[in-house]
Amino acid sequence: MSFDFEYNDLAIAQHYFEIGKYNKAEEYMQKLLENSPENPEFLSFMSNIQLNLCNLNLAEKFCLESMRTEADNEEGYHLLGIINIERKNYVEAEKNLLESLRLNPENPRVLAKYGYLMLITAYDEKAEKLIIEALRIDPDDPAVLEIGFQYYLIKNKKEQQLQFLYRYFQQSNNQIGKLTKIALTELLQNNHKSARENFVQAYLLDPTDQDLLLVIEEIDRDVHPLFLPQRAIRKIGGPAVVWIGMIVIIVALRFFGLINLAGILAVIYIVLCIYTWVTPSIYKRFIKR
């Protein structure tokens, strides 16, 4: 393969990767690796593609191969860190990310990913500092902006979510990523119809993404009239709040001598509990096709 042809295929693969078409990116990288099987850049890129396709074993395989062909592989340790985060091996993930930062302390993507690791392991203050530092180094990097968006999504800070969403839209070419972020924002505001529409549009761009299909099916289930009692329970604080409230009310009614009313209320609560237990099975068997 000539250098020009190789360069063109790599550019096409990178384009598909940037717009979220990971299967197409994989096709071009496979051709490149057939001709340059030990190219650390190609191996690292293929690892990243497999990571986005949720093929963790393949992602690790290509990552380790890239690290064998290149000493002090900063990106290799970064990818291993992400793989271990996905596997919930958080201690090992931290070691990987710290090694990557040892090789390059100013890598904004690694700093942001380390911040994300701190967030999911409940070190919120350290997480925010790392993400802010990553944004200081490169405020326009889509990967950094995405983690910033995730941080404020988890912290439920709507103003910051919208700010990061706007900046992400300016910098990213990933249409699927844009649609899913809009959908998540709508979902947090209980705009299920709008959220579903955006998830559907994202799924139509990549019908191979089963995770998006599962999210759409989950929204359909949640908004079905059959689950109206469950939605009402969530709005008033969840099953624990309802249970405590019912106990308090029943005890109070018995205290005031309204034993029959307390008994009726107890029966209603038991029926409600049975209903919430059986409706998922009814929906799955008779409604979801």
C-alpha atoms as a PDB file:
ATOM      1  CA  MET A   1       0.000   0.000   0.000  1.00  0.00           C
ATOM      2  CA  SER A   2       1.345   3.397  -0.875  1.00  0.00           C
ATOM      3  CA  PHE A   3       1.786   6.019   1.809  1.00  0.00           C
ATOM      4  CA  ASP A   4      -0.811   8.277   0.172  1.00  0.00           C
ATOM      5  CA  PHE A   5      -3.407   5.500   0.040  1.00  0.00           C
ATOM      6  CA  GLU A   6      -2.640   4.562   3.625  1.00  0.00           C
ATOM      7  CA  TYR A   7      -2.974   8.182   4.704  1.00  0.00           C
ATOM      8  CA  ASN A   8      -6.315   8.480   2.877  1.00  0.00           C
ATOM      9  CA  ASP A   9      -7.707   5.362   4.538  1.00  0.00           C
ATOM     10  CA  LEU A  10      -6.614   6.636   7.950  1.00  0.00           C
ATOM     11  CA  ALA A  11      -8.279  10.004   7.300  1.00  0.00           C
ATOM     12  CA  ILE A  12     -11.511   8.235   6.294  1.00  0.00           C
ATOM     13  CA  ALA A  13     -11.379   6.029   9.402  1.00  0.00           C
ATOM     14  CA  GLN A  14     -10.841   9.084  11.590  1.00  0.00           C
ATOM     15  CA  HIS A  15     -13.796  10.823   9.942  1.00  0.00           C
ATOM     16  CA  TYR A  16     -16.103   7.871  10.592  1.00  0.00           C
ATOM     17  CA  PHE A  17     -14.854   7.691  14.168  1.00  0.00           C
ATOM     18  CA  GLU A  18     -15.516  11.394  14.763  1.00  0.00           C
ATOM     19  CA  ILE A  19     -19.105  11.149  13.536  1.00  0.00           C
ATOM     20  CA  GLY A  20     -19.768   8.019  15.604  1.00  0.00           C
ATOM     21  CA  LYS A  21     -19.775   5.468  12.761  1.00  0.00           C
ATOM     22  CA  TYR A  22     -17.494   3.055  14.587  1.00  0.00           C
ATOM     23  CA  ASN A  23     -18.294  -0.010  12.456  1.00  0.00           C
ATOM     24  CA  LYS A  24     -17.230   1.841   9.303  1.00  0.00           C
ATOM     25  CA  ALA A  25     -14.092   3.112  11.038  1.00  0.00           C
ATOM     26  CA  GLU A  26     -13.312  -0.483  12.025  1.00  0.00           C
ATOM     27  CA  GLU A  27     -13.520  -1.628   8.379  1.00  0.00           C
ATOM     28  CA  TYR A  28     -10.892   0.871   7.253  1.00  0.00           C
ATOM     29  CA  MET A  29      -8.607   0.188  10.206  1.00  0.00           C
ATOM     30  CA  GLN A  30      -8.722  -3.551   9.503  1.00  0.00           C
ATOM     31  CA  LYS A  31      -7.416  -2.873   5.998  1.00  0.00           C
ATOM     32  CA  LEU A  32      -4.669  -0.639   7.375  1.00  0.00           C
ATOM     33  CA  LEU A  33      -3.607  -3.218   9.959  1.00  0.00           C
ATOM     34  CA  GLU A  34      -3.442  -5.965   7.326  1.00  0.00           C
ATOM     35  CA  ASN A  35      -0.632  -3.985   5.699  1.00  0.00           C
ATOM     36  CA  SER A  36       0.937  -2.500   8.849  1.00  0.00           C
ATOM     37  CA  PRO A  37       0.164  -4.962  11.683  1.00  0.00           C
ATOM     38  CA  GLU A  38       2.710  -3.483  14.093  1.00  0.00           C
ATOM     39  CA  ASN A  39       1.979   0.205  13.585  1.00  0.00           C
ATOM     40  CA  PRO A  40       1.402   1.494  17.152  1.00  0.00           C
ATOM     41  CA  GLU A  41      -0.783   4.375  15.951  1.00  0.00           C
ATOM     42  CA  PHE A  42      -3.060   2.016  14.009  1.00  0.00           C
ATOM     43  CA  LEU A  43      -3.219  -0.490  16.880  1.00  0.00           C
ATOM     44  CA  SER A  44      -4.054   2.249  19.371  1.00  0.00           C
ATOM     45  CA  PHE A  45      -6.732   3.666  17.099  1.00  0.00           C
ATOM     46  CA  MET A  46      -8.264   0.214  16.585  1.00  0.00           C
ATOM     47  CA  SER A  47      -8.286  -0.250  20.358  1.00  0.00           C
ATOM     48  CA  ASN A  48     -10.225   3.005  20.705  1.00  0.00           C
ATOM     49  CA  ILE A  49     -12.705   1.879  18.050  1.00  0.00           C
ATOM     50  CA  GLN A  50     -13.273  -1.457  19.801  1.00  0.00           C
ATOM     51  CA  LEU A  51     -13.737   0.394  23.064  1.00  0.00           C
ATOM     52  CA  ASN A  52     -16.527   2.466  21.525  1.00  0.00           C
ATOM     53  CA  LEU A  53     -18.065  -0.714  20.107  1.00  0.00           C
ATOM     54  CA  CYS A  54     -18.036  -2.119  23.679  1.00  0.00           C
ATOM     55  CA  ASN A  55     -15.677  -4.941  22.663  1.00  0.00           C
ATOM     56  CA  LEU A  56     -13.514  -4.666  25.767  1.00  0.00           C
ATOM     57  CA  ASN A  57     -11.455  -7.815  25.189  1.00  0.00           C
ATOM     58  CA  LEU A  58     -10.560  -6.748  21.657  1.00  0.00           C
ATOM     59  CA  ALA A  59      -9.863  -3.208  22.838  1.00  0.00           C
ATOM     60  CA  GLU A  60      -7.422  -4.569  25.436  1.00  0.00           C
ATOM     61  CA  LYS A  61      -5.794  -6.876  22.875  1.00  0.00           C
ATOM     62  CA  PHE A  62      -5.054  -4.082  20.406  1.00  0.00           C
ATOM     63  CA  CYS A  63      -4.013  -1.740  23.194  1.00  0.00           C
ATOM     64  CA  LEU A  64      -1.458  -4.192  24.619  1.00  0.00           C
ATOM     65  CA  GLU A  65      -0.119  -4.857  21.120  1.00  0.00           C
ATOM     66  CA  SER A  66       0.385  -1.123  20.571  1.00  0.00           C
ATOM     67  CA  MET A  67       2.226  -0.879  23.894  1.00  0.00           C
ATOM     68  CA  ARG A  68       4.543  -3.735  22.949  1.00  0.00           C
ATOM     69  CA  THR A  69       5.606  -1.926  19.786  1.00  0.00           C
ATOM     70  CA  GLU A  70       6.145   1.459  21.449  1.00  0.00           C
ATOM     71  CA  ALA A  71       7.803   2.154  24.788  1.00  0.00           C
ATOM     72  CA  ASP A  72       6.243   4.706  27.169  1.00  0.00           C
ATOM     73  CA  ASN A  73       2.934   4.580  25.321  1.00  0.00           C
ATOM     74  CA  GLU A  74       0.984   7.432  26.900  1.00  0.00           C
ATOM     75  CA  GLU A  75      -2.201   6.713  24.919  1.00  0.00           C
ATOM     76  CA  GLY A  76      -1.917   2.993  25.663  1.00  0.00           C
ATOM     77  CA  TYR A  77      -2.100   3.582  29.422  1.00  0.00           C
ATOM     78  CA  HIS A  78      -4.975   6.008  28.833  1.00  0.00           C
ATOM     79  CA  LEU A  79      -6.928   3.352  26.922  1.00  0.00           C
ATOM     80  CA  LEU A  80      -6.153   0.687  29.519  1.00  0.00           C
ATOM     81  CA  GLY A  81      -7.504   3.072  32.141  1.00  0.00           C
ATOM     82  CA  ILE A  82     -10.769   3.492  30.217  1.00  0.00           C
ATOM     83  CA  ILE A  83     -11.065  -0.274  29.678  1.00  0.00           C
ATOM     84  CA  ASN A  84     -10.618  -0.893  33.403  1.00  0.00           C
ATOM     85  CA  ILE A  85     -13.188   1.791  34.234  1.00  0.00           C
ATOM     86  CA  GLU A  86     -15.682  -0.032  31.995  1.00  0.00           C
ATOM     87  CA  ARG A  87     -14.816  -3.277  33.791  1.00  0.00           C
ATOM     88  CA  LYS A  88     -15.183  -1.517  37.150  1.00  0.00           C
ATOM     89  CA  ASN A  89     -11.552  -2.305  38.014  1.00  0.00           C
ATOM     90  CA  TYR A  90     -11.178   1.164  39.490  1.00  0.00           C
ATOM     91  CA  VAL A  91      -7.904   0.627  41.383  1.00  0.00           C
ATOM     92  CA  GLU A  92      -6.182  -0.670  38.249  1.00  0.00           C
ATOM     93  CA  ALA A  93      -7.785   2.088  36.173  1.00  0.00           C
ATOM     94  CA  GLU A  94      -6.297   4.729  38.463  1.00  0.00           C
ATOM     95  CA  LYS A  95      -2.835   3.167  38.115  1.00  0.00           C
ATOM     96  CA  ASN A  96      -3.160   3.234  34.314  1.00  0.00           C
ATOM     97  CA  LEU A  97      -4.300   6.859  34.179  1.00  0.00           C
ATOM     98  CA  LEU A  98      -1.611   8.016  36.615  1.00  0.00           C
ATOM     99  CA  GLU A  99       1.047   6.307  34.491  1.00  0.00           C
ATOM    100  CA  SER A 100      -0.292   8.076  31.409  1.00  0.00           C
ATOM    101  CA  LEU A 101      -0.168  11.390  33.290  1.00  0.00           C
ATOM    102  CA  ARG A 102       3.369  10.654  34.439  1.00  0.00           C
ATOM    103  CA  LEU A 103       4.355  10.494  30.777  1.00  0.00           C
ATOM    104  CA  ASN A 104       2.375  13.641  29.954  1.00  0.00           C
ATOM    105  CA  PRO A 105       0.907  15.617  32.890  1.00  0.00           C
ATOM    106  CA  GLU A 106      -0.760  18.092  30.498  1.00  0.00           C
ATOM    107  CA  ASN A 107      -2.935  15.663  28.526  1.00  0.00           C
ATOM    108  CA  PRO A 108      -6.457  17.134  28.899  1.00  0.00           C
ATOM    109  CA  ARG A 109      -8.292  13.961  27.884  1.00  0.00           C
ATOM    110  CA  VAL A 110      -6.476  11.854  30.474  1.00  0.00           C
ATOM    111  CA  LEU A 111      -7.040  14.501  33.159  1.00  0.00           C
ATOM    112  CA  ALA A 112     -10.745  14.603  32.292  1.00  0.00           C
ATOM    113  CA  LYS A 113     -11.041  10.806  32.327  1.00  0.00           C
ATOM    114  CA  TYR A 114      -9.247  10.697  35.681  1.00  0.00           C
ATOM    115  CA  GLY A 115     -11.759  13.280  36.877  1.00  0.00           C
ATOM    116  CA  TYR A 116     -14.578  11.027  35.709  1.00  0.00           C
ATOM    117  CA  LEU A 117     -13.025   8.109  37.611  1.00  0.00           C
ATOM    118  CA  MET A 118     -12.912  10.241  40.754  1.00  0.00           C
ATOM    119  CA  LEU A 119     -16.552  11.200  40.229  1.00  0.00           C
ATOM    120  CA  ILE A 120     -17.853   7.638  39.990  1.00  0.00           C
ATOM    121  CA  THR A 121     -15.779   6.635  43.028  1.00  0.00           C
ATOM    122  CA  ALA A 122     -17.316   9.491  45.082  1.00  0.00           C
ATOM    123  CA  TYR A 123     -14.327  11.874  45.157  1.00  0.00           C
ATOM    124  CA  ASP A 124     -16.426  14.766  43.877  1.00  0.00           C
ATOM    125  CA  GLU A 125     -14.129  17.633  44.865  1.00  0.00           C
ATOM    126  CA  LYS A 126     -11.072  16.058  43.241  1.00  0.00           C
ATOM    127  CA  ALA A 127     -13.169  15.177  40.169  1.00  0.00           C
ATOM    128  CA  GLU A 128     -14.225  18.770  39.624  1.00  0.00           C
ATOM    129  CA  LYS A 129     -10.653  20.066  40.010  1.00  0.00           C
ATOM    130  CA  LEU A 130      -9.334  17.590  37.436  1.00  0.00           C
ATOM    131  CA  ILE A 131     -12.091  18.390  34.935  1.00  0.00           C
ATOM    132  CA  ILE A 132     -11.576  22.140  35.379  1.00  0.00           C
ATOM    133  CA  GLU A 133      -7.831  21.672  34.823  1.00  0.00           C
ATOM    134  CA  ALA A 134      -8.516  19.653  31.654  1.00  0.00           C
ATOM    135  CA  LEU A 135     -10.780  22.441  30.383  1.00  0.00           C
ATOM    136  CA  ARG A 136      -8.122  25.035  31.174  1.00  0.00           C
ATOM    137  CA  ILE A 137      -5.617  23.168  29.004  1.00  0.00           C
ATOM    138  CA  ASP A 138      -8.040  22.600  26.114  1.00  0.00           C
ATOM    139  CA  PRO A 139     -11.518  24.131  26.490  1.00  0.00           C
ATOM    140  CA  ASP A 140     -12.543  22.995  22.995  1.00  0.00           C
ATOM    141  CA  ASP A 141     -11.697  19.292  23.094  1.00  0.00           C
ATOM    142  CA  PRO A 142     -14.966  17.347  22.473  1.00  0.00           C
ATOM    143  CA  ALA A 143     -13.855  14.446  24.701  1.00  0.00           C
ATOM    144  CA  VAL A 144     -13.146  16.834  27.576  1.00  0.00           C
ATOM    145  CA  LEU A 145     -16.436  18.664  27.013  1.00  0.00           C
ATOM    146  CA  GLU A 146     -18.290  15.353  27.026  1.00  0.00           C
ATOM    147  CA  ILE A 147     -16.883  14.432  30.436  1.00  0.00           C
ATOM    148  CA  GLY A 148     -17.693  17.928  31.707  1.00  0.00           C
ATOM    149  CA  PHE A 149     -21.263  17.417  30.494  1.00  0.00           C
ATOM    150  CA  GLN A 150     -21.425  14.007  32.235  1.00  0.00           C
ATOM    151  CA  TYR A 151     -20.140  15.552  35.465  1.00  0.00           C
ATOM    152  CA  TYR A 152     -22.822  18.233  35.588  1.00  0.00           C
ATOM    153  CA  LEU A 153     -25.432  15.724  34.400  1.00  0.00           C
ATOM    154  CA  ILE A 154     -24.680  13.498  37.393  1.00  0.00           C
ATOM    155  CA  LYS A 155     -24.569  16.528  39.717  1.00  0.00           C
ATOM    156  CA  ASN A 156     -27.903  17.688  38.194  1.00  0.00           C
ATOM    157  CA  LYS A 157     -26.712  21.251  37.553  1.00  0.00           C
ATOM    158  CA  LYS A 158     -28.899  22.293  34.637  1.00  0.00           C
ATOM    159  CA  GLU A 159     -27.252  25.620  33.807  1.00  0.00           C
ATOM    160  CA  GLN A 160     -23.811  24.036  33.459  1.00  0.00           C
ATOM    161  CA  GLN A 161     -25.307  21.119  31.478  1.00  0.00           C
ATOM    162  CA  LEU A 162     -26.658  23.536  28.881  1.00  0.00           C
ATOM    163  CA  GLN A 163     -23.351  25.438  28.726  1.00  0.00           C
ATOM    164  CA  PHE A 164     -21.394  22.247  28.052  1.00  0.00           C
ATOM    165  CA  LEU A 165     -24.036  21.035  25.613  1.00  0.00           C
ATOM    166  CA  TYR A 166     -23.720  24.251  23.599  1.00  0.00           C
ATOM    167  CA  ARG A 167     -19.908  24.073  23.549  1.00  0.00           C
ATOM    168  CA  TYR A 168     -19.977  20.371  22.645  1.00  0.00           C
ATOM    169  CA  PHE A 169     -22.264  21.138  19.705  1.00  0.00           C
ATOM    170  CA  GLN A 170     -19.800  23.744  18.471  1.00  0.00           C
ATOM    171  CA  GLN A 171     -16.779  21.436  18.609  1.00  0.00           C
ATOM    172  CA  SER A 172     -18.043  17.914  17.883  1.00  0.00           C
ATOM    173  CA  ASN A 173     -18.984  16.339  14.544  1.00  0.00           C
ATOM    174  CA  ASN A 174     -20.598  13.350  16.250  1.00  0.00           C
ATOM    175  CA  GLN A 175     -24.288  13.687  15.393  1.00  0.00           C
ATOM    176  CA  ILE A 176     -25.220  10.611  17.426  1.00  0.00           C
ATOM    177  CA  GLY A 177     -23.418  12.047  20.451  1.00  0.00           C
ATOM    178  CA  LYS A 178     -25.278  15.335  20.065  1.00  0.00           C
ATOM    179  CA  LEU A 179     -28.685  13.661  19.824  1.00  0.00           C
ATOM    180  CA  THR A 180     -28.088  11.416  22.836  1.00  0.00           C
ATOM    181  CA  LYS A 181     -26.958  14.355  24.949  1.00  0.00           C
ATOM    182  CA  ILE A 182     -30.075  16.327  24.045  1.00  0.00           C
ATOM    183  CA  ALA A 183     -32.145  13.245  24.863  1.00  0.00           C
ATOM    184  CA  LEU A 184     -30.485  12.815  28.261  1.00  0.00           C
ATOM    185  CA  THR A 185     -31.102  16.466  29.108  1.00  0.00           C
ATOM    186  CA  GLU A 186     -34.768  16.128  28.118  1.00  0.00           C
ATOM    187  CA  LEU A 187     -35.082  12.906  30.096  1.00  0.00           C
ATOM    188  CA  LEU A 188     -33.807  14.593  33.267  1.00  0.00           C
ATOM    189  CA  GLN A 189     -36.511  17.229  32.825  1.00  0.00           C
ATOM    190  CA  ASN A 190     -39.136  14.463  32.416  1.00  0.00           C
ATOM    191  CA  ASN A 191     -39.732  15.413  28.766  1.00  0.00           C
ATOM    192  CA  HIS A 192     -40.082  11.769  27.762  1.00  0.00           C
ATOM    193  CA  LYS A 193     -41.594  12.407  24.326  1.00  0.00           C
ATOM    194  CA  SER A 194     -38.792  14.736  23.237  1.00  0.00           C
ATOM    195  CA  ALA A 195     -36.160  12.445  24.791  1.00  0.00           C
ATOM    196  CA  ARG A 196     -37.567   9.451  22.906  1.00  0.00           C
ATOM    197  CA  GLU A 197     -37.608  11.340  19.595  1.00  0.00           C
ATOM    198  CA  ASN A 198     -33.928  12.234  19.965  1.00  0.00           C
ATOM    199  CA  PHE A 199     -32.945   8.700  20.977  1.00  0.00           C
ATOM    200  CA  VAL A 200     -34.850   7.359  17.946  1.00  0.00           C
ATOM    201  CA  GLN A 201     -33.045   9.793  15.619  1.00  0.00           C
ATOM    202  CA  ALA A 202     -29.717   8.664  17.092  1.00  0.00           C
ATOM    203  CA  TYR A 203     -30.692   5.007  16.658  1.00  0.00           C
ATOM    204  CA  LEU A 204     -31.669   5.567  13.021  1.00  0.00           C
ATOM    205  CA  LEU A 205     -28.165   6.901  12.389  1.00  0.00           C
ATOM    206  CA  ASP A 206     -26.718   3.679  13.849  1.00  0.00           C
ATOM    207  CA  PRO A 207     -29.239   0.782  13.964  1.00  0.00           C
ATOM    208  CA  THR A 208     -26.495  -1.520  15.271  1.00  0.00           C
ATOM    209  CA  ASP A 209     -26.412   0.301  18.615  1.00  0.00           C
ATOM    210  CA  GLN A 210     -28.425  -2.001  20.866  1.00  0.00           C
ATOM    211  CA  ASP A 211     -27.892   0.248  23.894  1.00  0.00           C
ATOM    212  CA  LEU A 212     -29.916   3.007  22.217  1.00  0.00           C
ATOM    213  CA  LEU A 213     -32.663   0.512  21.383  1.00  0.00           C
ATOM    214  CA  LEU A 214     -32.809  -0.621  25.010  1.00  0.00           C
ATOM    215  CA  VAL A 215     -33.124   2.997  26.180  1.00  0.00           C
ATOM    216  CA  ILE A 216     -36.011   3.610  23.749  1.00  0.00           C
ATOM    217  CA  GLU A 217     -37.758   0.455  24.950  1.00  0.00           C
ATOM    218  CA  GLU A 218     -37.251   1.542  28.572  1.00  0.00           C
ATOM    219  CA  ILE A 219     -38.839   4.935  27.870  1.00  0.00           C
ATOM    220  CA  ASP A 220     -41.779   3.233  26.116  1.00  0.00           C
ATOM    221  CA  ARG A 221     -42.250   1.041  29.156  1.00  0.00           C
ATOM    222  CA  ASP A 222     -42.040   3.890  31.643  1.00  0.00           C
ATOM    223  CA  VAL A 223     -44.618   6.069  29.864  1.00  0.00           C
ATOM    224  CA  HIS A 224     -47.115   3.230  29.296  1.00  0.00           C
ATOM    225  CA  PRO A 225     -50.434   3.751  31.186  1.00  0.00           C
ATOM    226  CA  LEU A 226     -49.896   0.411  32.914  1.00  0.00           C
ATOM    227  CA  PHE A 227     -47.083   1.990  34.928  1.00  0.00           C
ATOM    228  CA  LEU A 228     -49.021   5.095  36.015  1.00  0.00           C
ATOM    229  CA  PRO A 229     -48.949   4.084  39.737  1.00  0.00           C
ATOM    230  CA  GLN A 230     -45.176   3.579  39.593  1.00  0.00           C
ATOM    231  CA  ARG A 231     -44.714   7.040  38.071  1.00  0.00           C
ATOM    232  CA  ALA A 232     -46.887   8.571  40.778  1.00  0.00           C
ATOM    233  CA  ILE A 233     -44.871   6.786  43.475  1.00  0.00           C
ATOM    234  CA  ARG A 234     -41.585   8.098  42.007  1.00  0.00           C
ATOM    235  CA  LYS A 235     -42.933  11.650  41.953  1.00  0.00           C
ATOM    236  CA  ILE A 236     -43.743  11.631  45.658  1.00  0.00           C
ATOM    237  CA  GLY A 237     -40.357  10.263  46.666  1.00  0.00           C
ATOM    238  CA  GLY A 238     -40.273   6.548  45.852  1.00  0.00           C
ATOM    239  CA  PRO A 239     -41.491   3.288  47.468  1.00  0.00           C
ATOM    240  CA  ALA A 240     -39.750   3.954  50.798  1.00  0.00           C
ATOM    241  CA  VAL A 241     -41.543   7.284  51.243  1.00  0.00           C
ATOM    242  CA  VAL A 242     -44.910   5.696  50.378  1.00  0.00           C
ATOM    243  CA  TRP A 243     -44.288   2.815  52.786  1.00  0.00           C
ATOM    244  CA  ILE A 244     -43.370   5.116  55.687  1.00  0.00           C
ATOM    245  CA  GLY A 245     -46.302   7.395  54.879  1.00  0.00           C
ATOM    246  CA  MET A 246     -48.761   4.502  54.869  1.00  0.00           C
ATOM    247  CA  ILE A 247     -47.452   3.179  58.202  1.00  0.00           C
ATOM    248  CA  VAL A 248     -47.794   6.631  59.798  1.00  0.00           C
ATOM    249  CA  ILE A 249     -51.322   7.133  58.425  1.00  0.00           C
ATOM    250  CA  ILE A 250     -52.526   3.646  59.436  1.00  0.00           C
ATOM    251  CA  VAL A 251     -51.105   4.017  62.969  1.00  0.00           C
ATOM    252  CA  ALA A 252     -52.712   7.474  63.275  1.00  0.00           C
ATOM    253  CA  LEU A 253     -56.113   6.161  62.103  1.00  0.00           C
ATOM    254  CA  ARG A 254     -55.982   3.309  64.618  1.00  0.00           C
ATOM    255  CA  PHE A 255     -54.977   5.756  67.337  1.00  0.00           C
ATOM    256  CA  PHE A 256     -58.104   7.838  66.636  1.00  0.00           C
ATOM    257  CA  GLY A 257     -60.294   4.741  66.625  1.00  0.00           C
ATOM    258  CA  LEU A 258     -60.812   4.574  62.856  1.00  0.00           C
ATOM    259  CA  ILE A 259     -59.882   0.909  62.699  1.00  0.00           C
ATOM    260  CA  ASN A 260     -62.082   0.040  59.704  1.00  0.00           C
ATOM    261  CA  LEU A 261     -60.641   2.885  57.635  1.00  0.00           C
ATOM    262  CA  ALA A 262     -57.130   1.841  58.623  1.00  0.00           C
ATOM    263  CA  GLY A 263     -57.907  -1.715  57.492  1.00  0.00           C
ATOM    264  CA  ILE A 264     -59.242  -0.529  54.131  1.00  0.00           C
ATOM    265  CA  LEU A 265     -56.158   1.616  53.607  1.00  0.00           C
ATOM    266  CA  ALA A 266     -53.895  -1.335  54.462  1.00  0.00           C
ATOM    267  CA  VAL A 267     -55.688  -3.534  51.920  1.00  0.00           C
ATOM    268  CA  ILE A 268     -55.373  -0.805  49.264  1.00  0.00           C
ATOM    269  CA  TYR A 269     -51.635  -0.562  49.959  1.00  0.00           C
ATOM    270  CA  ILE A 270     -51.181  -4.345  49.704  1.00  0.00           C
ATOM    271  CA  VAL A 271     -53.073  -4.380  46.376  1.00  0.00           C
ATOM    272  CA  LEU A 272     -50.874  -1.507  45.145  1.00  0.00           C
ATOM    273  CA  CYS A 273     -47.738  -3.441  46.094  1.00  0.00           C
ATOM    274  CA  ILE A 274     -48.951  -6.570  44.291  1.00  0.00           C
ATOM    275  CA  TYR A 275     -49.854  -4.448  41.239  1.00  0.00           C
ATOM    276  CA  THR A 276     -46.372  -2.894  41.037  1.00  0.00           C
ATOM    277  CA  TRP A 277     -44.801  -6.336  41.342  1.00  0.00           C
ATOM    278  CA  VAL A 278     -46.820  -8.006  38.571  1.00  0.00           C
ATOM    279  CA  THR A 279     -47.087  -5.186  35.990  1.00  0.00           C
ATOM    280  CA  PRO A 280     -43.509  -5.633  34.618  1.00  0.00           C
ATOM    281  CA  SER A 281     -44.285  -9.285  33.818  1.00  0.00           C
ATOM    282  CA  ILE A 282     -47.671  -8.397  32.299  1.00  0.00           C
ATOM    283  CA  TYR A 283     -46.055  -5.710  30.139  1.00  0.00           C
ATOM    284  CA  LYS A 284     -43.273  -8.014  28.996  1.00  0.00           C
ATOM    285  CA  ARG A 285     -45.593 -10.917  28.163  1.00  0.00           C
ATOM    286  CA  PHE A 286     -48.683  -9.272  26.702  1.00  0.00           C
ATOM    287  CA  ILE A 287     -47.785  -5.722  25.582  1.00  0.00           C
ATOM    288  CA  LYS A 288     -44.141  -5.644  24.499  1.00  0.00           C
ATOM    289  CA  ARG A 289     -43.840  -7.511  21.200  1.00  0.00           C
END
